[in-house]
Amino acid sequence: MQGLVQAMQTQAHTQAALQAQLETQERADVWWASLLRTRFEDGAIDVAWDEFVRLFQAKFVPEHVQDRMEQEFLSLAQGSMTVALLLLPLLGLALRAGLPAEVSDNP
C-alpha cells in the first residue's frame, strides 16, 4: 500500500513539473516572438548567441540568482582543485595547440 501511495505522489509531482515546464515554455515562446517582432524586425536582423543569452537571462534569471550560480560554479572542485585552478592548465594547452584561449559562455 505504501508503494502505491509513493507511486501516486511521484506521478503527481511529475505531472506538476511537466505542467510548469509547459507554462514556462509557452511564456518563453511568447517573449521570444515579441522580441523578434519589436527588436529584430521579425527576424530580419540576425541575433548573435551571446545577445540571446544576455536578453534571456535578463528576462528569466534574476541577477541575484545569476550571481549565486556563478559562485556555486567557481566553488566546484575536482579533488582538491577548484574550477579556476583546473582552467589554467586547460588554457595553457589551448594556447600550445593554437586554439583561441578566450573563455566564453557560448556553446
N, C-alpha and C. Protein backbone atom coordinates (compact mmCIF):
# COMPACT_ATOMS: atom_id res chain seq x y z
N MET A 1 0.83 -1.20 0.00
CA MET A 1 0.00 0.00 0.00
C MET A 1 0.87 1.26 0.00
N GLN A 2 1.94 1.23 0.80
CA GLN A 2 2.83 2.39 0.88
C GLN A 2 3.48 2.66 -0.48
N GLY A 3 3.84 1.60 -1.19
CA GLY A 3 4.44 1.75 -2.51
C GLY A 3 3.47 2.40 -3.49
N LEU A 4 2.19 2.06 -3.39
CA LEU A 4 1.18 2.65 -4.26
C LEU A 4 1.03 4.14 -3.97
N VAL A 5 1.03 4.52 -2.70
CA VAL A 5 0.93 5.92 -2.32
C VAL A 5 2.14 6.69 -2.84
N GLN A 6 3.33 6.11 -2.69
CA GLN A 6 4.54 6.76 -3.19
C GLN A 6 4.50 6.92 -4.70
N ALA A 7 4.01 5.90 -5.39
CA ALA A 7 3.91 5.97 -6.85
C ALA A 7 2.94 7.06 -7.27
N MET A 8 1.82 7.20 -6.55
CA MET A 8 0.85 8.23 -6.87
C MET A 8 1.42 9.62 -6.59
N GLN A 9 2.17 9.75 -5.51
CA GLN A 9 2.80 11.04 -5.20
C GLN A 9 3.84 11.40 -6.26
N THR A 10 4.61 10.42 -6.68
CA THR A 10 5.62 10.65 -7.71
C THR A 10 4.96 11.07 -9.00
N GLN A 11 3.86 10.42 -9.35
CA GLN A 11 3.14 10.77 -10.57
C GLN A 11 2.60 12.19 -10.47
N ALA A 12 2.06 12.57 -9.33
CA ALA A 12 1.53 13.93 -9.15
C ALA A 12 2.65 14.96 -9.27
N HIS A 13 3.81 14.67 -8.67
CA HIS A 13 4.95 15.59 -8.77
C HIS A 13 5.43 15.70 -10.22
N THR A 14 5.46 14.58 -10.92
CA THR A 14 5.88 14.57 -12.32
C THR A 14 4.92 15.38 -13.18
N GLN A 15 3.63 15.21 -12.95
CA GLN A 15 2.64 15.97 -13.71
C GLN A 15 2.75 17.46 -13.42
N ALA A 16 2.98 17.82 -12.16
CA ALA A 16 3.13 19.24 -11.80
C ALA A 16 4.38 19.82 -12.47
N ALA A 17 5.46 19.06 -12.47
CA ALA A 17 6.69 19.53 -13.10
C ALA A 17 6.52 19.70 -14.60
N LEU A 18 5.84 18.77 -15.24
CA LEU A 18 5.59 18.88 -16.68
C LEU A 18 4.70 20.07 -17.00
N GLN A 19 3.69 20.31 -16.17
CA GLN A 19 2.82 21.46 -16.37
C GLN A 19 3.60 22.77 -16.23
N ALA A 20 4.47 22.85 -15.21
CA ALA A 20 5.29 24.04 -15.01
C ALA A 20 6.23 24.25 -16.19
N GLN A 21 6.79 23.16 -16.69
CA GLN A 21 7.69 23.24 -17.85
C GLN A 21 6.93 23.76 -19.08
N LEU A 22 5.73 23.26 -19.29
CA LEU A 22 4.93 23.69 -20.43
C LEU A 22 4.58 25.17 -20.32
N GLU A 23 4.18 25.61 -19.14
CA GLU A 23 3.85 27.02 -18.95
C GLU A 23 5.07 27.91 -19.16
N THR A 24 6.22 27.47 -18.68
CA THR A 24 7.45 28.23 -18.87
C THR A 24 7.82 28.30 -20.34
N GLN A 25 7.68 27.19 -21.04
CA GLN A 25 7.97 27.15 -22.48
C GLN A 25 7.06 28.10 -23.23
N GLU A 26 5.77 28.09 -22.89
CA GLU A 26 4.83 28.99 -23.56
C GLU A 26 5.19 30.45 -23.29
N ARG A 27 5.54 30.75 -22.06
CA ARG A 27 5.93 32.12 -21.70
C ARG A 27 7.17 32.56 -22.46
N ALA A 28 8.15 31.66 -22.56
CA ALA A 28 9.39 31.97 -23.29
C ALA A 28 9.10 32.14 -24.78
N ASP A 29 8.23 31.32 -25.33
CA ASP A 29 7.88 31.43 -26.74
C ASP A 29 7.23 32.78 -27.04
N VAL A 30 6.32 33.20 -26.17
CA VAL A 30 5.65 34.49 -26.37
C VAL A 30 6.67 35.62 -26.28
N TRP A 31 7.56 35.55 -25.28
CA TRP A 31 8.61 36.57 -25.11
C TRP A 31 9.48 36.64 -26.35
N TRP A 32 9.94 35.50 -26.85
CA TRP A 32 10.85 35.48 -27.99
C TRP A 32 10.16 36.00 -29.25
N ALA A 33 8.92 35.58 -29.49
CA ALA A 33 8.19 36.06 -30.65
C ALA A 33 8.01 37.58 -30.59
N SER A 34 7.70 38.08 -29.42
CA SER A 34 7.54 39.52 -29.25
C SER A 34 8.86 40.25 -29.48
N LEU A 35 9.93 39.68 -28.96
CA LEU A 35 11.25 40.29 -29.12
C LEU A 35 11.68 40.31 -30.59
N LEU A 36 11.42 39.22 -31.29
CA LEU A 36 11.76 39.17 -32.72
C LEU A 36 11.00 40.25 -33.49
N ARG A 37 9.71 40.41 -33.16
CA ARG A 37 8.89 41.40 -33.85
C ARG A 37 9.34 42.82 -33.56
N THR A 38 9.58 43.12 -32.29
CA THR A 38 9.82 44.50 -31.90
C THR A 38 11.28 44.94 -32.00
N ARG A 39 12.19 44.03 -31.73
CA ARG A 39 13.60 44.43 -31.66
C ARG A 39 14.42 43.96 -32.85
N PHE A 40 14.01 42.87 -33.45
CA PHE A 40 14.81 42.29 -34.53
C PHE A 40 14.05 42.23 -35.84
N GLU A 41 13.08 43.11 -36.00
CA GLU A 41 12.33 43.28 -37.25
C GLU A 41 11.85 41.95 -37.82
N ASP A 42 11.10 41.22 -37.03
CA ASP A 42 10.53 39.92 -37.43
C ASP A 42 11.57 38.94 -37.93
N GLY A 43 12.75 38.96 -37.33
CA GLY A 43 13.79 38.01 -37.69
C GLY A 43 14.66 38.46 -38.84
N ALA A 44 14.42 39.67 -39.36
CA ALA A 44 15.23 40.18 -40.47
C ALA A 44 16.65 40.49 -40.01
N ILE A 45 16.81 40.80 -38.73
CA ILE A 45 18.13 41.07 -38.16
C ILE A 45 18.57 39.82 -37.41
N ASP A 46 19.76 39.34 -37.72
CA ASP A 46 20.29 38.16 -37.03
C ASP A 46 20.54 38.48 -35.56
N VAL A 47 20.34 37.47 -34.73
CA VAL A 47 20.58 37.61 -33.30
C VAL A 47 21.77 36.72 -32.95
N ALA A 48 22.83 37.33 -32.44
CA ALA A 48 24.01 36.56 -32.03
C ALA A 48 23.66 35.78 -30.76
N TRP A 49 24.32 34.64 -30.60
CA TRP A 49 24.04 33.79 -29.45
C TRP A 49 24.27 34.53 -28.13
N ASP A 50 25.37 35.26 -28.01
CA ASP A 50 25.65 35.95 -26.75
C ASP A 50 24.59 37.02 -26.46
N GLU A 51 24.04 37.64 -27.49
CA GLU A 51 22.97 38.62 -27.31
C GLU A 51 21.70 37.92 -26.82
N PHE A 52 21.38 36.76 -27.42
CA PHE A 52 20.22 35.99 -26.97
C PHE A 52 20.37 35.60 -25.51
N VAL A 53 21.54 35.07 -25.15
CA VAL A 53 21.78 34.66 -23.76
C VAL A 53 21.61 35.83 -22.81
N ARG A 54 22.18 36.99 -23.19
CA ARG A 54 22.07 38.17 -22.33
C ARG A 54 20.61 38.58 -22.14
N LEU A 55 19.86 38.63 -23.24
CA LEU A 55 18.44 39.00 -23.17
C LEU A 55 17.63 37.99 -22.38
N PHE A 56 17.89 36.69 -22.62
CA PHE A 56 17.16 35.64 -21.92
C PHE A 56 17.41 35.70 -20.42
N GLN A 57 18.68 35.83 -20.05
CA GLN A 57 19.00 35.88 -18.62
C GLN A 57 18.40 37.11 -17.97
N ALA A 58 18.44 38.24 -18.67
CA ALA A 58 17.86 39.46 -18.11
C ALA A 58 16.36 39.29 -17.87
N LYS A 59 15.69 38.54 -18.72
CA LYS A 59 14.24 38.36 -18.61
C LYS A 59 13.87 37.28 -17.60
N PHE A 60 14.58 36.15 -17.62
CA PHE A 60 14.12 34.98 -16.88
C PHE A 60 14.99 34.56 -15.70
N VAL A 61 16.18 35.11 -15.56
CA VAL A 61 17.06 34.70 -14.46
C VAL A 61 17.46 35.95 -13.67
N PRO A 62 16.88 36.14 -12.49
CA PRO A 62 17.22 37.33 -11.71
C PRO A 62 18.72 37.42 -11.44
N GLU A 63 19.22 38.65 -11.35
CA GLU A 63 20.66 38.87 -11.19
C GLU A 63 21.21 38.16 -9.95
N HIS A 64 20.46 38.18 -8.84
CA HIS A 64 20.96 37.53 -7.63
C HIS A 64 21.08 36.01 -7.83
N VAL A 65 20.23 35.44 -8.67
CA VAL A 65 20.34 34.01 -8.97
C VAL A 65 21.56 33.76 -9.85
N GLN A 66 21.80 34.63 -10.84
CA GLN A 66 22.99 34.50 -11.67
C GLN A 66 24.25 34.60 -10.82
N ASP A 67 24.27 35.54 -9.89
CA ASP A 67 25.43 35.70 -9.00
C ASP A 67 25.65 34.45 -8.16
N ARG A 68 24.56 33.90 -7.62
CA ARG A 68 24.67 32.68 -6.80
C ARG A 68 25.18 31.51 -7.63
N MET A 69 24.66 31.39 -8.86
CA MET A 69 25.10 30.30 -9.73
C MET A 69 26.58 30.44 -10.09
N GLU A 70 27.02 31.67 -10.32
CA GLU A 70 28.43 31.90 -10.62
C GLU A 70 29.30 31.49 -9.44
N GLN A 71 28.88 31.87 -8.24
CA GLN A 71 29.66 31.50 -7.05
C GLN A 71 29.67 29.99 -6.84
N GLU A 72 28.54 29.33 -7.09
CA GLU A 72 28.48 27.87 -6.98
C GLU A 72 29.43 27.23 -7.98
N PHE A 73 29.44 27.75 -9.20
CA PHE A 73 30.34 27.21 -10.23
C PHE A 73 31.80 27.38 -9.83
N LEU A 74 32.13 28.59 -9.36
CA LEU A 74 33.52 28.86 -9.00
C LEU A 74 33.97 28.05 -7.79
N SER A 75 33.03 27.61 -6.97
CA SER A 75 33.42 26.84 -5.79
C SER A 75 33.42 25.33 -6.06
N LEU A 76 33.05 24.92 -7.28
CA LEU A 76 33.14 23.50 -7.63
C LEU A 76 34.59 23.04 -7.51
N ALA A 77 34.78 21.79 -7.20
CA ALA A 77 36.14 21.28 -7.06
C ALA A 77 36.22 19.87 -7.64
N GLN A 78 37.38 19.56 -8.19
CA GLN A 78 37.71 18.21 -8.64
C GLN A 78 38.83 17.78 -7.73
N GLY A 79 38.53 16.93 -6.79
CA GLY A 79 39.52 16.62 -5.76
C GLY A 79 39.77 17.86 -4.94
N SER A 80 41.01 18.30 -4.89
CA SER A 80 41.33 19.50 -4.11
C SER A 80 41.45 20.74 -4.99
N MET A 81 41.19 20.61 -6.30
CA MET A 81 41.36 21.74 -7.22
C MET A 81 40.01 22.37 -7.55
N THR A 82 39.94 23.69 -7.49
CA THR A 82 38.74 24.42 -7.87
C THR A 82 38.68 24.55 -9.38
N VAL A 83 37.53 24.97 -9.88
CA VAL A 83 37.36 25.18 -11.31
C VAL A 83 38.39 26.18 -11.83
N ALA A 84 38.61 27.26 -11.09
CA ALA A 84 39.57 28.27 -11.53
C ALA A 84 40.96 27.67 -11.69
N LEU A 85 41.37 26.82 -10.75
CA LEU A 85 42.69 26.19 -10.85
C LEU A 85 42.73 25.17 -11.98
N LEU A 86 41.62 24.47 -12.21
CA LEU A 86 41.58 23.49 -13.30
C LEU A 86 41.62 24.19 -14.67
N LEU A 87 41.11 25.39 -14.74
CA LEU A 87 41.03 26.11 -16.00
C LEU A 87 42.41 26.53 -16.52
N LEU A 88 43.31 26.88 -15.62
CA LEU A 88 44.62 27.38 -16.03
C LEU A 88 45.39 26.41 -16.92
N PRO A 89 45.55 25.14 -16.54
CA PRO A 89 46.28 24.23 -17.44
C PRO A 89 45.54 24.01 -18.76
N LEU A 90 44.20 24.04 -18.74
CA LEU A 90 43.45 23.87 -19.99
C LEU A 90 43.69 25.04 -20.94
N LEU A 91 43.75 26.24 -20.40
CA LEU A 91 44.04 27.40 -21.25
C LEU A 91 45.46 27.31 -21.82
N GLY A 92 46.40 26.84 -21.00
CA GLY A 92 47.77 26.65 -21.49
C GLY A 92 47.82 25.64 -22.62
N LEU A 93 47.09 24.55 -22.47
CA LEU A 93 47.03 23.55 -23.53
C LEU A 93 46.41 24.14 -24.80
N ALA A 94 45.37 24.93 -24.63
CA ALA A 94 44.72 25.55 -25.78
C ALA A 94 45.69 26.46 -26.52
N LEU A 95 46.46 27.24 -25.78
CA LEU A 95 47.43 28.14 -26.41
C LEU A 95 48.48 27.34 -27.17
N ARG A 96 49.01 26.29 -26.56
CA ARG A 96 50.03 25.48 -27.21
C ARG A 96 49.48 24.77 -28.45
N ALA A 97 48.18 24.48 -28.44
CA ALA A 97 47.56 23.80 -29.58
C ALA A 97 47.14 24.79 -30.67
N GLY A 98 47.34 26.08 -30.40
CA GLY A 98 46.97 27.09 -31.38
C GLY A 98 45.49 27.43 -31.37
N LEU A 99 44.79 27.04 -30.33
CA LEU A 99 43.37 27.36 -30.22
C LEU A 99 43.20 28.70 -29.53
N PRO A 100 42.10 29.39 -29.80
CA PRO A 100 41.88 30.65 -29.09
C PRO A 100 41.76 30.38 -27.59
N ALA A 101 42.42 31.17 -26.79
CA ALA A 101 42.44 30.93 -25.34
C ALA A 101 41.44 31.79 -24.61
N GLU A 102 40.42 32.26 -25.31
CA GLU A 102 39.42 33.07 -24.64
C GLU A 102 38.43 32.16 -23.91
N VAL A 103 37.93 32.64 -22.81
CA VAL A 103 36.94 31.92 -22.06
C VAL A 103 35.60 32.48 -22.49
N SER A 104 34.71 31.61 -22.96
CA SER A 104 33.43 32.07 -23.50
C SER A 104 32.30 31.25 -22.91
N ASP A 105 31.12 31.87 -22.83
CA ASP A 105 29.96 31.11 -22.39
C ASP A 105 29.13 30.63 -23.57
N ASN A 106 29.68 30.75 -24.78
CA ASN A 106 29.00 30.23 -25.96
C ASN A 106 29.19 28.73 -26.04
N PRO A 107 28.16 28.02 -26.48
CA PRO A 107 28.30 26.56 -26.60
C PRO A 107 29.17 26.16 -27.78
